[in-house]
Every structure is written in structure tokens, then in C-alpha cells.
Amino acid sequence: MRVWCNGEFLPNPPQLLKINEILGVSIDWLLTGKGNGITDPDLEAAREILSCGDEAIIRSFRERLRDYGIAIARKRELDYLKCRLAELEKKVESLLPGGDAPGREEAGGPAASRKKAM
């Protein structure tokens, strides 16, 4: 990236597309530096709010962003815990006789014996 910033090399087309996707800036802006570069309307709205000059609006906006950041962090943690729980459940299942989950009857277990007796 340093070579791009120094003007030694330009990113190739796939790299430009990836930068565009990750940063939400226009390819034209990346190549020419003209305009504000923002392609996402939400990012543009955020830029306008932060540059409006009204401190109460800016403070409120930043507080909401912090709240959203907390909510996103909690969701990521919950998603991680759900994934971890699923991994642990699979491990427990693999440790049980026959690899069955709790509550399932083995092929030769009590339920099978009852069926044979009927």
C-alpha cells in the first residue's frame, strides 16, 4: 500500500475493486483523487452530520454510534458463543457410546429391546 501512496505503483483492477468494497470509496476517487470518494449513502450522511457544525447533533450522533458499537460487539460475542456451543455439543455427541446425542436410543439399547419384546 505504501507504494500506492507514494505513487510508485497503481493498484491493479482487482485490487481497486477490493479497496472499493472494503472502504466504500469510488474507484474514480481512488484513481483521480477528485470528489469526496464516498459511494455509500449512509457514509455520506454520516460525513454530513459530523461536518454540520452543530455540537449537540454531533454529540448525539457519536453517542448513538457508541451504542451501536456496543450492540454489534454483543451480537458478535453471542454468535461466537453459539458457534462454540455447537462445537461442544458435537464433541459431547462424539464421546457418547455410538456417537449418539443424549435422548437418542442406541440400536441395541432399551428402546430396541422393548420393540423386540412387542
N, C-alpha and C. Protein backbone atom coordinates (compact mmCIF):
# COMPACT_ATOMS: atom_id res chain seq x y z
N MET A 1 0.82 -1.19 0.00
CA MET A 1 0.00 0.00 0.00
C MET A 1 0.87 1.26 0.00
N ARG A 2 2.02 1.19 0.66
CA ARG A 2 2.90 2.35 0.70
C ARG A 2 3.33 2.77 -0.72
N VAL A 3 3.56 1.78 -1.58
CA VAL A 3 3.99 2.10 -2.95
C VAL A 3 2.86 2.80 -3.71
N TRP A 4 1.60 2.51 -3.36
CA TRP A 4 0.48 3.19 -4.00
C TRP A 4 0.44 4.64 -3.52
N CYS A 5 0.59 4.83 -2.20
CA CYS A 5 0.53 6.19 -1.64
C CYS A 5 1.68 7.05 -2.14
N ASN A 6 2.83 6.44 -2.34
CA ASN A 6 3.99 7.18 -2.85
C ASN A 6 3.92 7.42 -4.35
N GLY A 7 2.95 6.81 -5.01
CA GLY A 7 2.80 6.98 -6.45
C GLY A 7 3.74 6.12 -7.26
N GLU A 8 4.42 5.17 -6.61
CA GLU A 8 5.35 4.30 -7.33
C GLU A 8 4.60 3.31 -8.24
N PHE A 9 3.48 2.79 -7.74
CA PHE A 9 2.65 1.86 -8.50
C PHE A 9 1.19 2.18 -8.25
N LEU A 10 0.34 1.80 -9.19
CA LEU A 10 -1.10 1.91 -9.00
C LEU A 10 -1.66 0.52 -8.74
N PRO A 11 -2.71 0.42 -7.93
CA PRO A 11 -3.32 -0.88 -7.71
C PRO A 11 -3.90 -1.43 -9.02
N ASN A 12 -3.85 -2.73 -9.19
CA ASN A 12 -4.43 -3.33 -10.39
C ASN A 12 -5.95 -3.37 -10.23
N PRO A 13 -6.69 -3.66 -11.30
CA PRO A 13 -8.16 -3.64 -11.22
C PRO A 13 -8.76 -4.48 -10.10
N PRO A 14 -8.33 -5.74 -9.88
CA PRO A 14 -8.91 -6.49 -8.76
C PRO A 14 -8.63 -5.84 -7.40
N GLN A 15 -7.45 -5.24 -7.26
CA GLN A 15 -7.13 -4.55 -6.00
C GLN A 15 -8.01 -3.32 -5.82
N LEU A 16 -8.25 -2.58 -6.92
CA LEU A 16 -9.13 -1.41 -6.85
C LEU A 16 -10.54 -1.81 -6.43
N LEU A 17 -11.04 -2.90 -6.99
CA LEU A 17 -12.37 -3.37 -6.62
C LEU A 17 -12.44 -3.76 -5.15
N LYS A 18 -11.39 -4.40 -4.64
CA LYS A 18 -11.36 -4.82 -3.24
C LYS A 18 -11.31 -3.59 -2.32
N ILE A 19 -10.50 -2.60 -2.67
CA ILE A 19 -10.42 -1.36 -1.89
C ILE A 19 -11.78 -0.67 -1.89
N ASN A 20 -12.40 -0.61 -3.06
CA ASN A 20 -13.73 -0.02 -3.20
C ASN A 20 -14.73 -0.72 -2.29
N GLU A 21 -14.70 -2.04 -2.28
CA GLU A 21 -15.62 -2.84 -1.48
C GLU A 21 -15.39 -2.63 0.02
N ILE A 22 -14.14 -2.67 0.45
CA ILE A 22 -13.82 -2.60 1.87
C ILE A 22 -14.01 -1.19 2.43
N LEU A 23 -13.53 -0.19 1.71
CA LEU A 23 -13.55 1.19 2.22
C LEU A 23 -14.78 1.98 1.81
N GLY A 24 -15.52 1.49 0.82
CA GLY A 24 -16.70 2.21 0.37
C GLY A 24 -16.37 3.51 -0.33
N VAL A 25 -15.26 3.53 -1.05
CA VAL A 25 -14.89 4.73 -1.80
C VAL A 25 -14.95 4.42 -3.29
N SER A 26 -15.19 5.46 -4.08
CA SER A 26 -15.34 5.22 -5.52
C SER A 26 -13.98 4.95 -6.17
N ILE A 27 -14.03 4.16 -7.22
CA ILE A 27 -12.81 3.85 -7.97
C ILE A 27 -12.28 5.11 -8.65
N ASP A 28 -13.19 5.95 -9.14
CA ASP A 28 -12.76 7.23 -9.75
C ASP A 28 -11.94 8.04 -8.75
N TRP A 29 -12.42 8.11 -7.51
CA TRP A 29 -11.70 8.89 -6.49
C TRP A 29 -10.35 8.26 -6.20
N LEU A 30 -10.31 6.93 -6.15
CA LEU A 30 -9.03 6.25 -5.92
C LEU A 30 -8.02 6.57 -7.01
N LEU A 31 -8.50 6.65 -8.25
CA LEU A 31 -7.59 6.89 -9.37
C LEU A 31 -7.25 8.37 -9.56
N THR A 32 -8.23 9.25 -9.30
CA THR A 32 -8.00 10.67 -9.60
C THR A 32 -7.88 11.56 -8.37
N GLY A 33 -8.46 11.13 -7.26
CA GLY A 33 -8.47 11.97 -6.06
C GLY A 33 -9.50 13.07 -6.12
N LYS A 34 -10.35 13.08 -7.13
CA LYS A 34 -11.36 14.13 -7.29
C LYS A 34 -12.67 13.71 -6.63
N GLY A 35 -13.37 14.68 -6.03
CA GLY A 35 -14.63 14.42 -5.35
C GLY A 35 -14.37 13.96 -3.92
N ASN A 36 -15.44 13.56 -3.24
CA ASN A 36 -15.25 13.12 -1.85
C ASN A 36 -14.98 11.63 -1.75
N GLY A 37 -15.23 10.86 -2.80
CA GLY A 37 -14.88 9.46 -2.85
C GLY A 37 -15.87 8.51 -2.21
N ILE A 38 -16.81 9.03 -1.45
CA ILE A 38 -17.73 8.16 -0.73
C ILE A 38 -18.82 7.67 -1.67
N THR A 39 -19.02 6.33 -1.69
CA THR A 39 -20.06 5.76 -2.56
C THR A 39 -21.27 5.28 -1.76
N ASP A 40 -21.11 5.06 -0.46
CA ASP A 40 -22.19 4.57 0.38
C ASP A 40 -23.02 5.76 0.88
N PRO A 41 -24.33 5.79 0.59
CA PRO A 41 -25.16 6.93 1.03
C PRO A 41 -25.17 7.10 2.55
N ASP A 42 -25.07 6.01 3.30
CA ASP A 42 -25.03 6.12 4.76
C ASP A 42 -23.74 6.79 5.23
N LEU A 43 -22.63 6.45 4.57
CA LEU A 43 -21.37 7.09 4.92
C LEU A 43 -21.41 8.58 4.58
N GLU A 44 -22.02 8.88 3.46
CA GLU A 44 -22.16 10.29 3.06
C GLU A 44 -23.01 11.04 4.09
N ALA A 45 -24.09 10.44 4.55
CA ALA A 45 -24.95 11.08 5.55
C ALA A 45 -24.18 11.28 6.85
N ALA A 46 -23.39 10.29 7.25
CA ALA A 46 -22.58 10.41 8.47
C ALA A 46 -21.57 11.55 8.33
N ARG A 47 -20.96 11.66 7.17
CA ARG A 47 -20.00 12.74 6.93
C ARG A 47 -20.69 14.10 7.05
N GLU A 48 -21.89 14.21 6.49
CA GLU A 48 -22.63 15.47 6.58
C GLU A 48 -22.99 15.80 8.02
N ILE A 49 -23.41 14.82 8.79
CA ILE A 49 -23.75 15.06 10.19
C ILE A 49 -22.53 15.53 10.96
N LEU A 50 -21.40 14.86 10.76
CA LEU A 50 -20.19 15.20 11.50
C LEU A 50 -19.60 16.55 11.09
N SER A 51 -19.97 17.02 9.91
CA SER A 51 -19.43 18.31 9.46
C SER A 51 -20.46 19.44 9.53
N CYS A 52 -21.61 19.18 10.17
CA CYS A 52 -22.69 20.19 10.19
C CYS A 52 -22.38 21.37 11.10
N GLY A 53 -21.51 21.20 12.08
CA GLY A 53 -21.15 22.30 12.97
C GLY A 53 -22.01 22.42 14.21
N ASP A 54 -23.10 21.68 14.29
CA ASP A 54 -23.98 21.73 15.47
C ASP A 54 -23.48 20.68 16.47
N GLU A 55 -22.88 21.18 17.57
CA GLU A 55 -22.26 20.28 18.55
C GLU A 55 -23.25 19.31 19.19
N ALA A 56 -24.49 19.75 19.43
CA ALA A 56 -25.49 18.86 20.04
C ALA A 56 -25.82 17.70 19.10
N ILE A 57 -25.96 17.99 17.82
CA ILE A 57 -26.25 16.93 16.84
C ILE A 57 -25.06 15.98 16.73
N ILE A 58 -23.87 16.54 16.67
CA ILE A 58 -22.66 15.72 16.55
C ILE A 58 -22.50 14.83 17.78
N ARG A 59 -22.68 15.39 18.98
CA ARG A 59 -22.55 14.63 20.21
C ARG A 59 -23.57 13.49 20.25
N SER A 60 -24.82 13.79 19.89
CA SER A 60 -25.88 12.78 19.87
C SER A 60 -25.55 11.67 18.88
N PHE A 61 -25.07 12.05 17.71
CA PHE A 61 -24.70 11.08 16.68
C PHE A 61 -23.60 10.15 17.19
N ARG A 62 -22.57 10.73 17.82
CA ARG A 62 -21.47 9.92 18.34
C ARG A 62 -21.94 8.99 19.46
N GLU A 63 -22.86 9.46 20.30
CA GLU A 63 -23.40 8.60 21.36
C GLU A 63 -24.14 7.40 20.76
N ARG A 64 -24.91 7.67 19.73
CA ARG A 64 -25.64 6.57 19.07
C ARG A 64 -24.66 5.59 18.42
N LEU A 65 -23.60 6.12 17.82
CA LEU A 65 -22.60 5.23 17.22
C LEU A 65 -21.96 4.34 18.29
N ARG A 66 -21.67 4.91 19.47
CA ARG A 66 -21.12 4.09 20.55
C ARG A 66 -22.11 3.01 20.95
N ASP A 67 -23.40 3.38 21.07
CA ASP A 67 -24.42 2.39 21.43
C ASP A 67 -24.50 1.28 20.39
N TYR A 68 -24.45 1.66 19.11
CA TYR A 68 -24.48 0.64 18.05
C TYR A 68 -23.23 -0.23 18.12
N GLY A 69 -22.10 0.37 18.42
CA GLY A 69 -20.87 -0.39 18.55
C GLY A 69 -20.96 -1.42 19.66
N ILE A 70 -21.57 -1.04 20.79
CA ILE A 70 -21.77 -1.97 21.89
C ILE A 70 -22.69 -3.11 21.46
N ALA A 71 -23.78 -2.76 20.77
CA ALA A 71 -24.73 -3.78 20.31
C ALA A 71 -24.07 -4.74 19.33
N ILE A 72 -23.24 -4.23 18.45
CA ILE A 72 -22.55 -5.08 17.47
C ILE A 72 -21.57 -6.01 18.19
N ALA A 73 -20.84 -5.48 19.17
CA ALA A 73 -19.89 -6.31 19.93
C ALA A 73 -20.64 -7.42 20.67
N ARG A 74 -21.79 -7.10 21.24
CA ARG A 74 -22.58 -8.12 21.95
C ARG A 74 -23.08 -9.18 20.98
N LYS A 75 -23.52 -8.76 19.80
CA LYS A 75 -24.00 -9.74 18.81
C LYS A 75 -22.86 -10.65 18.36
N ARG A 76 -21.69 -10.09 18.14
CA ARG A 76 -20.55 -10.92 17.75
C ARG A 76 -20.21 -11.93 18.84
N GLU A 77 -20.23 -11.47 20.10
CA GLU A 77 -19.96 -12.36 21.21
C GLU A 77 -21.00 -13.48 21.29
N LEU A 78 -22.26 -13.14 21.11
CA LEU A 78 -23.33 -14.14 21.12
C LEU A 78 -23.16 -15.13 19.98
N ASP A 79 -22.85 -14.63 18.79
CA ASP A 79 -22.61 -15.52 17.65
C ASP A 79 -21.45 -16.47 17.93
N TYR A 80 -20.38 -15.94 18.53
CA TYR A 80 -19.23 -16.76 18.86
C TYR A 80 -19.63 -17.84 19.86
N LEU A 81 -20.38 -17.46 20.90
CA LEU A 81 -20.80 -18.42 21.92
C LEU A 81 -21.71 -19.50 21.34
N LYS A 82 -22.61 -19.12 20.42
CA LYS A 82 -23.48 -20.11 19.77
C LYS A 82 -22.65 -21.10 18.97
N CYS A 83 -21.66 -20.59 18.26
CA CYS A 83 -20.78 -21.45 17.46
C CYS A 83 -19.99 -22.38 18.38
N ARG A 84 -19.47 -21.84 19.45
CA ARG A 84 -18.70 -22.64 20.42
C ARG A 84 -19.58 -23.72 21.05
N LEU A 85 -20.82 -23.36 21.39
CA LEU A 85 -21.76 -24.33 21.96
C LEU A 85 -22.01 -25.47 20.99
N ALA A 86 -22.23 -25.14 19.71
CA ALA A 86 -22.45 -26.17 18.70
C ALA A 86 -21.24 -27.10 18.59
N GLU A 87 -20.03 -26.53 18.66
CA GLU A 87 -18.81 -27.35 18.62
C GLU A 87 -18.75 -28.28 19.82
N LEU A 88 -19.07 -27.75 21.00
CA LEU A 88 -19.03 -28.57 22.21
C LEU A 88 -20.09 -29.67 22.18
N GLU A 89 -21.29 -29.35 21.66
CA GLU A 89 -22.33 -30.36 21.54
C GLU A 89 -21.88 -31.50 20.63
N LYS A 90 -21.23 -31.18 19.53
CA LYS A 90 -20.72 -32.21 18.62
C LYS A 90 -19.67 -33.07 19.32
N LYS A 91 -18.80 -32.40 20.09
CA LYS A 91 -17.77 -33.15 20.80
C LYS A 91 -18.39 -34.10 21.81
N VAL A 92 -19.39 -33.63 22.57
CA VAL A 92 -20.08 -34.49 23.54
C VAL A 92 -20.73 -35.66 22.84
N GLU A 93 -21.40 -35.40 21.72
CA GLU A 93 -22.04 -36.47 20.96
C GLU A 93 -21.02 -37.51 20.52
N SER A 94 -19.84 -37.05 20.11
CA SER A 94 -18.83 -38.00 19.64
C SER A 94 -18.26 -38.83 20.78
N LEU A 95 -18.36 -38.36 22.01
CA LEU A 95 -17.83 -39.09 23.15
C LEU A 95 -18.83 -40.10 23.72
N LEU A 96 -20.10 -39.96 23.38
CA LEU A 96 -21.12 -40.87 23.86
C LEU A 96 -21.03 -42.20 23.12
N PRO A 97 -21.46 -43.30 23.77
CA PRO A 97 -21.42 -44.60 23.09
C PRO A 97 -22.21 -44.54 21.78
N GLY A 98 -21.61 -44.97 20.73
CA GLY A 98 -22.26 -44.97 19.42
C GLY A 98 -22.35 -43.59 18.79
N GLY A 99 -21.80 -42.58 19.45
CA GLY A 99 -21.84 -41.22 18.90
C GLY A 99 -23.20 -40.60 18.90
N ASP A 100 -24.14 -41.17 19.68
CA ASP A 100 -25.50 -40.63 19.71
C ASP A 100 -25.59 -39.48 20.69
N ALA A 101 -26.51 -38.59 20.40
CA ALA A 101 -26.77 -37.46 21.29
C ALA A 101 -27.62 -37.94 22.46
N PRO A 102 -27.59 -37.21 23.58
CA PRO A 102 -28.44 -37.59 24.71
C PRO A 102 -29.90 -37.65 24.29
N GLY A 103 -30.63 -38.66 24.81
CA GLY A 103 -32.05 -38.79 24.49
C GLY A 103 -32.30 -39.71 23.30
N ARG A 104 -31.27 -39.99 22.51
CA ARG A 104 -31.42 -40.90 21.39
C ARG A 104 -31.14 -42.32 21.87
N GLU A 105 -31.82 -43.27 21.31
CA GLU A 105 -31.64 -44.66 21.71
C GLU A 105 -30.62 -45.32 20.80
N GLU A 106 -29.74 -46.11 21.37
CA GLU A 106 -28.78 -46.87 20.58
C GLU A 106 -29.51 -47.99 19.86
N ALA A 107 -28.91 -48.52 18.83
CA ALA A 107 -29.55 -49.58 18.06
C ALA A 107 -29.88 -50.79 18.93
N GLY A 108 -29.05 -51.11 19.90
CA GLY A 108 -29.31 -52.24 20.77
C GLY A 108 -29.72 -51.82 22.16
N GLY A 109 -30.12 -50.56 22.34
CA GLY A 109 -30.44 -50.02 23.65
C GLY A 109 -31.81 -50.43 24.14
N PRO A 110 -32.27 -49.81 25.23
CA PRO A 110 -33.54 -50.18 25.86
C PRO A 110 -34.74 -50.09 24.92
N ALA A 111 -34.79 -49.07 24.10
CA ALA A 111 -35.94 -48.92 23.19
C ALA A 111 -35.98 -50.07 22.19
N ALA A 112 -34.81 -50.47 21.70
CA ALA A 112 -34.75 -51.57 20.74
C ALA A 112 -35.19 -52.86 21.42
N SER A 113 -34.79 -53.06 22.67
CA SER A 113 -35.20 -54.26 23.40
C SER A 113 -36.69 -54.29 23.61
N ARG A 114 -37.29 -53.14 23.94
CA ARG A 114 -38.74 -53.08 24.13
C ARG A 114 -39.47 -53.39 22.84
N LYS A 115 -38.94 -52.88 21.71
CA LYS A 115 -39.60 -53.14 20.41
C LYS A 115 -39.57 -54.62 20.08
N LYS A 116 -38.42 -55.29 20.37
CA LYS A 116 -38.30 -56.72 20.07
C LYS A 116 -39.28 -57.52 20.92
N ALA A 117 -39.50 -57.09 22.15
CA ALA A 117 -40.38 -57.81 23.06
C ALA A 117 -41.84 -57.69 22.64
N MET A 118 -42.19 -56.64 21.89
CA MET A 118 -43.59 -56.44 21.49
C MET A 118 -43.91 -57.36 20.40
